[in-house]
N, C-alpha and C. Protein backbone atom coordinates (compact mmCIF):
# COMPACT_ATOMS: atom_id res chain seq x y z
N MET A 1 26.77 130.00 142.23
CA MET A 1 26.02 128.83 142.65
C MET A 1 26.27 127.65 141.71
N LYS A 2 26.30 127.96 140.41
CA LYS A 2 26.52 126.91 139.42
C LYS A 2 27.89 126.25 139.64
N TYR A 3 28.90 127.05 139.97
CA TYR A 3 30.23 126.52 140.20
C TYR A 3 30.29 125.64 141.45
N LEU A 4 29.56 126.04 142.46
CA LEU A 4 29.50 125.25 143.68
C LEU A 4 28.91 123.87 143.42
N VAL A 5 27.86 123.83 142.62
CA VAL A 5 27.23 122.56 142.25
C VAL A 5 28.21 121.71 141.45
N MET A 6 28.94 122.32 140.51
CA MET A 6 29.90 121.58 139.69
C MET A 6 31.03 121.01 140.54
N ILE A 7 31.55 121.80 141.47
CA ILE A 7 32.61 121.33 142.36
C ILE A 7 32.10 120.20 143.24
N SER A 8 30.91 120.36 143.77
CA SER A 8 30.32 119.30 144.60
C SER A 8 30.15 118.01 143.80
N MET A 9 29.69 118.11 142.57
CA MET A 9 29.51 116.93 141.71
C MET A 9 30.86 116.26 141.46
N PHE A 10 31.89 117.07 141.18
CA PHE A 10 33.22 116.52 140.93
C PHE A 10 33.72 115.75 142.14
N LEU A 11 33.60 116.34 143.31
CA LEU A 11 34.05 115.67 144.53
C LEU A 11 33.25 114.41 144.81
N PHE A 12 31.94 114.45 144.56
CA PHE A 12 31.11 113.27 144.77
C PHE A 12 31.51 112.14 143.83
N VAL A 13 31.71 112.45 142.55
CA VAL A 13 32.09 111.43 141.58
C VAL A 13 33.45 110.86 141.91
N GLN A 14 34.40 111.71 142.29
CA GLN A 14 35.74 111.24 142.64
C GLN A 14 35.69 110.38 143.88
N SER A 15 34.97 110.81 144.91
CA SER A 15 34.94 110.04 146.15
C SER A 15 34.24 108.71 145.94
N ASP A 16 33.31 108.65 145.00
CA ASP A 16 32.59 107.41 144.74
C ASP A 16 33.56 106.31 144.28
N TRP A 17 34.38 106.58 143.29
CA TRP A 17 35.29 105.54 142.81
C TRP A 17 36.42 105.28 143.79
N THR A 18 36.90 106.31 144.50
CA THR A 18 37.97 106.08 145.48
C THR A 18 37.45 105.25 146.65
N GLU A 19 36.20 105.47 147.03
CA GLU A 19 35.61 104.65 148.09
C GLU A 19 35.52 103.19 147.66
N ASN A 20 35.19 102.96 146.40
CA ASN A 20 35.15 101.59 145.88
C ASN A 20 36.54 100.95 145.91
N VAL A 21 37.56 101.72 145.58
CA VAL A 21 38.93 101.20 145.64
C VAL A 21 39.29 100.86 147.08
N GLU A 22 38.96 101.75 148.00
CA GLU A 22 39.25 101.50 149.42
C GLU A 22 38.53 100.24 149.92
N LYS A 23 37.30 100.04 149.49
CA LYS A 23 36.56 98.83 149.87
C LYS A 23 37.22 97.59 149.30
N SER A 24 37.68 97.68 148.07
CA SER A 24 38.37 96.54 147.45
C SER A 24 39.65 96.21 148.20
N ILE A 25 40.39 97.23 148.60
CA ILE A 25 41.63 97.02 149.36
C ILE A 25 41.31 96.31 150.68
N LYS A 26 40.30 96.78 151.39
CA LYS A 26 39.91 96.15 152.66
C LYS A 26 39.49 94.70 152.45
N ARG A 27 38.74 94.45 151.38
CA ARG A 27 38.30 93.09 151.09
C ARG A 27 39.48 92.17 150.79
N VAL A 28 40.42 92.63 149.97
CA VAL A 28 41.59 91.82 149.65
C VAL A 28 42.41 91.56 150.90
N ASN A 29 42.58 92.58 151.73
CA ASN A 29 43.34 92.40 152.98
C ASN A 29 42.67 91.38 153.90
N ALA A 30 41.35 91.38 153.93
CA ALA A 30 40.62 90.47 154.82
C ALA A 30 40.51 89.06 154.25
N GLU A 31 40.29 88.94 152.95
CA GLU A 31 39.99 87.64 152.35
C GLU A 31 41.16 86.98 151.63
N GLY A 32 42.21 87.74 151.37
CA GLY A 32 43.33 87.20 150.59
C GLY A 32 44.04 86.06 151.30
N LYS A 33 44.33 85.03 150.52
CA LYS A 33 45.05 83.86 151.03
C LYS A 33 46.47 83.90 150.48
N LEU A 34 47.44 83.61 151.35
CA LEU A 34 48.84 83.60 150.92
C LEU A 34 49.02 82.58 149.82
N ASP A 35 49.57 83.02 148.69
CA ASP A 35 49.74 82.17 147.52
C ASP A 35 51.22 81.87 147.26
N VAL A 36 52.06 82.89 147.35
CA VAL A 36 53.49 82.74 147.08
C VAL A 36 54.26 83.60 148.07
N GLU A 37 55.42 83.09 148.51
CA GLU A 37 56.30 83.84 149.41
C GLU A 37 57.73 83.69 148.92
N PHE A 38 58.45 84.79 148.89
CA PHE A 38 59.82 84.80 148.38
C PHE A 38 60.65 85.70 149.28
N GLU A 39 61.87 85.29 149.59
CA GLU A 39 62.75 86.09 150.44
C GLU A 39 64.15 86.06 149.87
N LYS A 40 64.79 87.23 149.86
CA LYS A 40 66.17 87.34 149.39
C LYS A 40 66.95 88.12 150.43
N LYS A 41 68.04 87.51 150.93
CA LYS A 41 68.89 88.17 151.92
C LYS A 41 70.29 88.31 151.36
N ASP A 42 70.93 89.39 151.76
CA ASP A 42 72.36 89.56 151.49
C ASP A 42 72.98 90.26 152.69
N SER A 43 74.22 90.65 152.59
CA SER A 43 74.92 91.23 153.75
C SER A 43 74.36 92.59 154.15
N GLU A 44 73.68 93.27 153.26
CA GLU A 44 73.14 94.60 153.54
C GLU A 44 71.74 94.57 154.13
N GLY A 45 70.95 93.55 153.79
CA GLY A 45 69.58 93.50 154.26
C GLY A 45 68.79 92.41 153.57
N GLU A 46 67.46 92.65 153.47
CA GLU A 46 66.60 91.62 152.89
C GLU A 46 65.41 92.23 152.17
N VAL A 47 64.87 91.43 151.25
CA VAL A 47 63.65 91.77 150.54
C VAL A 47 62.71 90.58 150.71
N LYS A 48 61.48 90.86 151.15
CA LYS A 48 60.45 89.82 151.28
C LYS A 48 59.29 90.18 150.37
N VAL A 49 58.86 89.20 149.58
CA VAL A 49 57.74 89.40 148.68
C VAL A 49 56.70 88.33 148.98
N LYS A 50 55.44 88.76 149.16
CA LYS A 50 54.33 87.84 149.39
C LYS A 50 53.20 88.20 148.44
N ARG A 51 52.57 87.17 147.91
CA ARG A 51 51.41 87.40 147.05
C ARG A 51 50.20 86.74 147.68
N TYR A 52 49.12 87.51 147.76
CA TYR A 52 47.85 87.03 148.30
C TYR A 52 46.82 87.05 147.18
N LYS A 53 45.91 86.09 147.20
CA LYS A 53 44.88 86.02 146.17
C LYS A 53 43.50 85.86 146.78
N THR A 54 42.53 86.49 146.12
CA THR A 54 41.12 86.23 146.36
C THR A 54 40.61 85.60 145.07
N ASN A 55 39.32 85.49 144.90
CA ASN A 55 38.79 84.93 143.66
C ASN A 55 39.14 85.77 142.43
N HIS A 56 39.16 87.09 142.60
CA HIS A 56 39.33 87.96 141.43
C HIS A 56 40.44 88.99 141.58
N GLU A 57 41.09 89.05 142.74
CA GLU A 57 42.09 90.08 142.97
C GLU A 57 43.38 89.48 143.52
N THR A 58 44.44 90.27 143.38
CA THR A 58 45.76 89.87 143.86
C THR A 58 46.36 91.04 144.62
N LYS A 59 47.06 90.73 145.69
CA LYS A 59 47.81 91.72 146.44
C LYS A 59 49.25 91.23 146.51
N ILE A 60 50.18 92.13 146.22
CA ILE A 60 51.59 91.81 146.36
C ILE A 60 52.17 92.74 147.41
N ASP A 61 52.74 92.15 148.47
CA ASP A 61 53.42 92.91 149.52
C ASP A 61 54.92 92.74 149.33
N VAL A 62 55.64 93.86 149.35
CA VAL A 62 57.09 93.84 149.22
C VAL A 62 57.66 94.63 150.38
N LYS A 63 58.60 94.02 151.10
CA LYS A 63 59.25 94.68 152.23
C LYS A 63 60.74 94.75 151.96
N TYR A 64 61.25 95.97 151.85
CA TYR A 64 62.69 96.20 151.74
C TYR A 64 63.19 96.59 153.12
N LYS A 65 64.15 95.86 153.64
CA LYS A 65 64.72 96.19 154.95
C LYS A 65 66.23 96.23 154.80
N TYR A 66 66.74 97.42 154.50
CA TYR A 66 68.17 97.67 154.37
C TYR A 66 68.48 98.82 155.32
N GLU A 67 68.93 98.48 156.51
CA GLU A 67 69.09 99.46 157.59
C GLU A 67 69.80 100.74 157.15
N LYS A 68 70.88 100.63 156.40
CA LYS A 68 71.63 101.81 156.00
C LYS A 68 70.92 102.62 154.93
N PHE A 69 70.04 101.98 154.17
CA PHE A 69 69.46 102.65 153.02
C PHE A 69 67.97 102.89 153.14
N MET A 70 67.21 101.83 153.35
CA MET A 70 65.76 101.99 153.33
C MET A 70 65.07 100.93 154.16
N ASP A 71 63.89 101.26 154.55
CA ASP A 71 62.99 100.35 155.25
C ASP A 71 61.60 100.68 154.71
N LEU A 72 61.29 100.12 153.54
CA LEU A 72 60.07 100.48 152.82
C LEU A 72 59.17 99.28 152.61
N ASP A 73 57.87 99.52 152.70
CA ASP A 73 56.86 98.52 152.40
C ASP A 73 56.04 99.00 151.22
N PHE A 74 55.88 98.14 150.23
CA PHE A 74 55.04 98.40 149.06
C PHE A 74 53.91 97.40 149.06
N SER A 75 52.71 97.84 148.71
CA SER A 75 51.58 96.93 148.49
C SER A 75 50.92 97.31 147.18
N TYR A 76 50.69 96.30 146.34
CA TYR A 76 50.05 96.49 145.04
C TYR A 76 48.77 95.67 145.01
N TYR A 77 47.72 96.27 144.51
CA TYR A 77 46.41 95.62 144.43
C TYR A 77 45.96 95.64 142.98
N GLU A 78 45.56 94.47 142.47
CA GLU A 78 45.07 94.43 141.10
C GLU A 78 44.01 93.35 140.93
N ASN A 79 43.21 93.55 139.88
CA ASN A 79 42.25 92.53 139.48
C ASN A 79 42.58 92.11 138.06
N GLU A 80 41.70 91.40 137.40
CA GLU A 80 41.98 90.92 136.04
C GLU A 80 42.18 92.07 135.06
N ASN A 81 41.60 93.21 135.34
CA ASN A 81 41.61 94.32 134.39
C ASN A 81 42.57 95.47 134.72
N LEU A 82 42.89 95.64 136.00
CA LEU A 82 43.53 96.89 136.39
C LEU A 82 44.36 96.74 137.66
N LEU A 83 45.50 97.38 137.67
CA LEU A 83 46.24 97.62 138.90
C LEU A 83 45.55 98.83 139.52
N PHE A 84 44.83 98.62 140.63
CA PHE A 84 43.98 99.71 141.12
C PHE A 84 44.55 100.46 142.32
N ALA A 85 45.65 99.99 142.92
CA ALA A 85 46.22 100.74 144.05
C ALA A 85 47.66 100.34 144.30
N GLU A 86 48.42 101.31 144.78
CA GLU A 86 49.77 101.10 145.30
C GLU A 86 49.85 101.88 146.61
N ILE A 87 50.38 101.22 147.65
CA ILE A 87 50.56 101.88 148.93
C ILE A 87 52.03 101.71 149.32
N VAL A 88 52.68 102.83 149.66
CA VAL A 88 54.10 102.82 150.03
C VAL A 88 54.23 103.48 151.39
N ASN A 89 54.95 102.81 152.31
CA ASN A 89 55.21 103.34 153.65
C ASN A 89 56.65 103.05 154.02
N GLY A 90 57.25 103.97 154.78
CA GLY A 90 58.55 103.67 155.36
C GLY A 90 59.57 104.77 155.22
N LYS A 91 60.82 104.36 155.44
CA LYS A 91 61.95 105.29 155.41
C LYS A 91 62.74 105.06 154.13
N ASP A 92 63.01 106.15 153.42
CA ASP A 92 63.77 106.07 152.18
C ASP A 92 64.94 107.05 152.28
N ILE A 93 66.11 106.57 151.89
CA ILE A 93 67.33 107.37 151.95
C ILE A 93 67.25 108.49 150.91
N LEU A 94 67.80 109.65 151.23
CA LEU A 94 67.88 110.76 150.28
C LEU A 94 69.24 110.71 149.57
N ILE A 95 69.21 110.95 148.30
CA ILE A 95 70.45 110.98 147.52
C ILE A 95 70.69 112.42 147.11
N TYR A 96 71.86 112.91 147.45
CA TYR A 96 72.23 114.29 147.15
C TYR A 96 73.19 114.32 145.97
N LYS A 97 73.05 115.33 145.12
CA LYS A 97 73.99 115.49 144.00
C LYS A 97 75.35 115.93 144.51
N ALA A 98 75.35 116.82 145.47
CA ALA A 98 76.60 117.25 146.12
C ALA A 98 76.70 116.50 147.45
N GLU A 99 77.78 116.70 148.16
CA GLU A 99 77.94 116.03 149.45
C GLU A 99 76.90 116.57 150.44
N ARG A 100 76.30 115.66 151.17
CA ARG A 100 75.28 116.03 152.16
C ARG A 100 75.94 116.74 153.32
N LYS A 101 75.35 117.86 153.73
CA LYS A 101 75.83 118.59 154.90
C LYS A 101 75.30 117.92 156.16
N LYS A 102 76.02 118.06 157.24
CA LYS A 102 75.65 117.40 158.50
C LYS A 102 74.25 117.80 158.97
N GLU A 103 73.83 119.03 158.69
CA GLU A 103 72.51 119.50 159.14
C GLU A 103 71.38 119.10 158.19
N ASP A 104 71.71 118.48 157.07
CA ASP A 104 70.69 118.03 156.11
C ASP A 104 70.12 116.67 156.54
N PRO A 105 68.85 116.41 156.19
CA PRO A 105 68.28 115.09 156.49
C PRO A 105 68.96 114.02 155.64
N TYR A 106 69.04 112.81 156.17
CA TYR A 106 69.63 111.71 155.41
C TYR A 106 68.56 110.84 154.77
N ALA A 107 67.30 111.00 155.23
CA ALA A 107 66.21 110.17 154.72
C ALA A 107 64.89 110.91 154.93
N VAL A 108 63.82 110.30 154.41
CA VAL A 108 62.47 110.79 154.66
C VAL A 108 61.59 109.61 155.04
N LEU A 109 60.64 109.89 155.94
CA LEU A 109 59.57 108.93 156.19
C LEU A 109 58.46 109.31 155.24
N ILE A 110 57.94 108.33 154.53
CA ILE A 110 56.92 108.63 153.54
C ILE A 110 55.71 107.72 153.72
N GLU A 111 54.59 108.24 153.30
CA GLU A 111 53.37 107.46 153.17
C GLU A 111 52.72 107.95 151.89
N LYS A 112 52.55 107.03 150.94
CA LYS A 112 51.99 107.40 149.65
C LYS A 112 50.94 106.37 149.27
N ILE A 113 49.76 106.86 148.91
CA ILE A 113 48.65 106.00 148.52
C ILE A 113 48.21 106.45 147.13
N THR A 114 48.26 105.51 146.19
CA THR A 114 47.89 105.82 144.81
C THR A 114 46.72 104.94 144.41
N TYR A 115 45.65 105.57 143.93
CA TYR A 115 44.47 104.86 143.46
C TYR A 115 44.30 105.12 141.97
N PHE A 116 43.94 104.08 141.24
CA PHE A 116 43.67 104.23 139.82
C PHE A 116 42.22 103.92 139.52
N LYS A 117 41.57 104.83 138.83
CA LYS A 117 40.20 104.61 138.35
C LYS A 117 40.25 103.76 137.09
N ASN A 118 41.24 104.02 136.25
CA ASN A 118 41.52 103.26 135.04
C ASN A 118 42.99 103.51 134.69
N GLU A 119 43.44 103.07 133.54
CA GLU A 119 44.85 103.21 133.17
C GLU A 119 45.24 104.66 132.86
N ASN A 120 44.28 105.53 132.73
CA ASN A 120 44.56 106.92 132.36
C ASN A 120 44.26 107.94 133.45
N GLU A 121 43.70 107.49 134.57
CA GLU A 121 43.21 108.44 135.56
C GLU A 121 43.35 107.86 136.97
N GLY A 122 43.80 108.71 137.87
CA GLY A 122 43.91 108.30 139.26
C GLY A 122 44.24 109.47 140.15
N ILE A 123 44.44 109.17 141.42
CA ILE A 123 44.88 110.19 142.37
C ILE A 123 46.01 109.61 143.22
N SER A 124 46.86 110.50 143.68
CA SER A 124 47.95 110.11 144.56
C SER A 124 47.91 111.00 145.78
N LYS A 125 47.93 110.38 146.95
CA LYS A 125 47.95 111.10 148.22
C LYS A 125 49.29 110.78 148.89
N SER A 126 50.02 111.81 149.31
CA SER A 126 51.31 111.56 149.94
C SER A 126 51.59 112.55 151.05
N ARG A 127 52.41 112.09 151.97
CA ARG A 127 52.93 112.95 153.03
C ARG A 127 54.29 112.42 153.41
N LYS A 128 55.14 113.33 153.87
CA LYS A 128 56.49 112.92 154.24
C LYS A 128 57.06 113.85 155.29
N ILE A 129 58.08 113.35 155.96
CA ILE A 129 58.75 114.12 157.00
C ILE A 129 60.24 113.76 156.96
N ASP A 130 61.09 114.76 157.13
CA ASP A 130 62.54 114.54 157.07
C ASP A 130 63.05 113.76 158.28
N VAL A 131 64.10 112.95 158.03
CA VAL A 131 64.76 112.17 159.07
C VAL A 131 66.21 112.63 159.16
N TYR A 132 66.63 112.99 160.37
CA TYR A 132 68.00 113.45 160.61
C TYR A 132 68.76 112.37 161.39
N GLU A 133 70.06 112.54 161.49
CA GLU A 133 70.93 111.52 162.09
C GLU A 133 70.44 111.01 163.45
N ASN A 134 70.03 111.89 164.33
CA ASN A 134 69.64 111.47 165.68
C ASN A 134 68.13 111.50 165.90
N SER A 135 67.38 111.35 164.83
CA SER A 135 65.92 111.40 164.92
C SER A 135 65.37 110.18 165.64
N ASP A 136 64.29 110.40 166.37
CA ASP A 136 63.53 109.32 166.99
C ASP A 136 62.49 108.87 165.97
N ILE A 137 62.74 107.74 165.31
CA ILE A 137 61.91 107.29 164.21
C ILE A 137 60.46 107.06 164.66
N GLU A 138 60.26 106.48 165.83
CA GLU A 138 58.89 106.23 166.30
C GLU A 138 58.13 107.53 166.52
N LYS A 139 58.80 108.53 167.06
CA LYS A 139 58.17 109.83 167.26
C LYS A 139 57.84 110.47 165.91
N LEU A 140 58.76 110.34 164.94
CA LEU A 140 58.50 110.88 163.62
C LEU A 140 57.32 110.18 162.94
N LYS A 141 57.18 108.88 163.17
CA LYS A 141 56.05 108.15 162.59
C LYS A 141 54.73 108.70 163.10
N SER A 142 54.66 109.01 164.39
CA SER A 142 53.41 109.58 164.92
C SER A 142 53.20 111.00 164.42
N GLU A 143 54.28 111.77 164.24
CA GLU A 143 54.16 113.12 163.68
C GLU A 143 53.70 113.06 162.22
N LEU A 144 54.18 112.07 161.49
CA LEU A 144 53.79 111.92 160.09
C LEU A 144 52.28 111.73 159.97
N LYS A 145 51.70 110.97 160.88
CA LYS A 145 50.25 110.71 160.85
C LYS A 145 49.44 111.99 161.04
N LYS A 146 50.04 113.01 161.64
CA LYS A 146 49.35 114.28 161.88
C LYS A 146 49.40 115.22 160.67
N ILE A 147 50.26 114.91 159.71
CA ILE A 147 50.42 115.76 158.53
C ILE A 147 49.32 115.43 157.53
N ASP A 148 48.73 116.46 156.94
CA ASP A 148 47.70 116.25 155.92
C ASP A 148 48.34 115.69 154.65
N PHE A 149 47.59 114.86 153.95
CA PHE A 149 48.05 114.34 152.68
C PHE A 149 48.01 115.44 151.63
N LYS A 150 49.00 115.43 150.77
CA LYS A 150 48.98 116.27 149.56
C LYS A 150 48.38 115.38 148.48
N THR A 151 47.29 115.84 147.86
CA THR A 151 46.59 115.03 146.87
C THR A 151 46.74 115.66 145.50
N GLU A 152 47.02 114.79 144.50
CA GLU A 152 47.13 115.28 143.13
C GLU A 152 46.56 114.26 142.16
N LYS A 153 46.06 114.75 141.05
CA LYS A 153 45.58 113.87 139.98
C LYS A 153 46.79 113.30 139.25
N ILE A 154 46.64 112.06 138.79
CA ILE A 154 47.71 111.43 138.02
C ILE A 154 47.13 110.85 136.74
N ASP A 155 48.03 110.52 135.82
CA ASP A 155 47.58 110.07 134.50
C ASP A 155 48.25 108.75 134.12
N SER A 156 48.20 108.44 132.83
CA SER A 156 48.70 107.16 132.34
C SER A 156 50.20 107.00 132.56
N THR A 157 50.95 108.08 132.60
CA THR A 157 52.39 107.99 132.85
C THR A 157 52.66 107.37 134.21
N GLU A 158 51.94 107.84 135.22
CA GLU A 158 52.11 107.28 136.57
C GLU A 158 51.62 105.84 136.62
N TYR A 159 50.53 105.55 135.93
CA TYR A 159 50.02 104.18 135.91
C TYR A 159 51.08 103.24 135.33
N LYS A 160 51.67 103.62 134.22
CA LYS A 160 52.70 102.78 133.59
C LYS A 160 53.88 102.56 134.51
N SER A 161 54.29 103.60 135.23
CA SER A 161 55.41 103.50 136.16
C SER A 161 55.11 102.54 137.31
N VAL A 162 53.94 102.68 137.92
CA VAL A 162 53.54 101.81 139.03
C VAL A 162 53.36 100.38 138.53
N LYS A 163 52.76 100.21 137.37
CA LYS A 163 52.55 98.88 136.79
C LYS A 163 53.90 98.20 136.52
N LYS A 164 54.86 98.95 136.04
CA LYS A 164 56.20 98.40 135.77
C LYS A 164 56.84 97.88 137.05
N ARG A 165 56.75 98.67 138.15
CA ARG A 165 57.30 98.22 139.44
C ARG A 165 56.60 96.95 139.90
N CYS A 166 55.29 96.94 139.81
CA CYS A 166 54.51 95.78 140.23
C CYS A 166 54.91 94.55 139.41
N ASP A 167 55.02 94.71 138.11
CA ASP A 167 55.39 93.58 137.24
C ASP A 167 56.79 93.06 137.56
N GLN A 168 57.70 93.94 137.95
CA GLN A 168 59.05 93.50 138.33
C GLN A 168 58.99 92.61 139.56
N PHE A 169 58.16 92.98 140.53
CA PHE A 169 58.02 92.15 141.73
C PHE A 169 57.36 90.82 141.41
N LYS A 170 56.38 90.84 140.52
CA LYS A 170 55.72 89.60 140.13
C LYS A 170 56.70 88.66 139.42
N ALA A 171 57.62 89.24 138.65
CA ALA A 171 58.59 88.42 137.92
C ALA A 171 59.55 87.70 138.87
N THR A 172 59.81 88.26 140.05
CA THR A 172 60.71 87.61 141.01
C THR A 172 60.08 86.37 141.63
N GLN A 173 58.77 86.25 141.51
CA GLN A 173 58.05 85.13 142.13
C GLN A 173 57.95 83.91 141.21
N LYS A 174 58.39 84.04 139.99
CA LYS A 174 58.24 82.93 139.04
C LYS A 174 59.41 81.98 139.09
């Protein structure tokens, strides 16, 4: 019984801060005003970066559209104190150490949501599905939504990695 109470308390405390992060994300999405827009095109594809601001928060949207390689969307959410979320969606090419066999997938559709409580603690939820040469991407997208998220705790190492990516995108806007 004691363990059941402890597990329930842990889940309640975790869901409390994650719910706050989700509310902040919804608020930024609803209230954020476009502040900066940047686009880079080359022969392979394009990258679009947009920054939205509220009074206390910033959202950075990054869209990579490289047909042969990737079609990924990144969203970063931060306030004055913390990068509190990263959301990644799309198709990412797989890189093989040896030559890829014809029956192997060439890419994966991914959805990854990372929430940070602070710089040392967070959770990451992810799901993915393989993409093959003749796959119907739209059908795979709906199948991906049916897959349960794999959830794991993350630490300061992941925070530093996500923060570094976010800072790189912010640097392109200056």
